[in-house]
Amino acid sequence: MEKAYRVMRNSGAGNIAIGIILLVTGVTVGIISIINGASLLKHKNNITF
């Protein structure tokens, strides 16, 4: 029985760690996308075809 509790504890801790990493990565990518989009909109008048 104790082995099952250890496995569940480790699994829960791992899932929390992965969730935090994914959250931070998602926020970072979102911020970078917003900054790049704003930069493109700011310089759209300089584009000539």
Protein backbone atom coordinates (compact mmCIF):
# COMPACT_ATOMS: atom_id res chain seq x y z
CA MET A 1 0.00 0.00 0.00
CA GLU A 2 2.75 2.44 0.85
CA LYS A 3 4.34 2.04 -2.58
CA ALA A 4 1.08 3.12 -4.22
CA TYR A 5 0.97 6.25 -2.06
CA ARG A 6 4.57 7.11 -2.98
CA VAL A 7 3.82 6.69 -6.67
CA MET A 8 0.71 8.88 -6.41
CA ARG A 9 2.65 11.57 -4.49
CA ASN A 10 5.47 11.62 -7.05
CA SER A 11 2.99 11.68 -9.92
CA GLY A 12 1.09 14.59 -8.39
CA ALA A 13 4.27 16.57 -7.76
CA GLY A 14 5.44 15.91 -11.31
CA ASN A 15 2.14 17.05 -12.78
CA ILE A 16 2.24 20.28 -10.77
CA ALA A 17 5.81 20.97 -11.92
CA ILE A 18 4.93 20.33 -15.57
CA GLY A 19 1.86 22.55 -15.26
CA ILE A 20 3.91 25.44 -13.88
CA ILE A 21 6.51 25.07 -16.64
CA LEU A 22 3.81 25.03 -19.33
CA LEU A 23 2.10 28.06 -17.80
CA VAL A 24 5.30 30.10 -17.76
CA THR A 25 6.18 29.01 -21.30
CA GLY A 26 2.72 29.91 -22.58
CA VAL A 27 2.76 33.36 -21.01
CA THR A 28 6.25 34.03 -22.37
CA VAL A 29 5.32 32.99 -25.91
CA GLY A 30 2.15 35.09 -25.73
CA ILE A 31 4.05 38.19 -24.66
CA ILE A 32 6.65 37.71 -27.40
CA SER A 33 3.87 37.31 -29.99
CA ILE A 34 2.15 40.51 -28.85
CA ILE A 35 5.43 42.46 -29.01
CA ASN A 36 6.24 41.15 -32.50
CA GLY A 37 2.72 41.92 -33.74
CA ALA A 38 2.87 45.45 -32.37
CA SER A 39 6.25 45.97 -34.03
CA LEU A 40 4.89 44.79 -37.38
CA LEU A 41 1.89 47.10 -37.12
CA LYS A 42 4.11 50.02 -36.15
CA HIS A 43 6.37 49.58 -39.18
CA LYS A 44 3.75 48.61 -41.78
CA ASN A 45 4.08 51.97 -43.55
CA ASN A 46 7.76 51.26 -44.31
CA ILE A 47 6.91 48.20 -46.43
CA THR A 48 7.06 48.73 -50.17
CA PHE A 49 6.22 46.18 -52.83
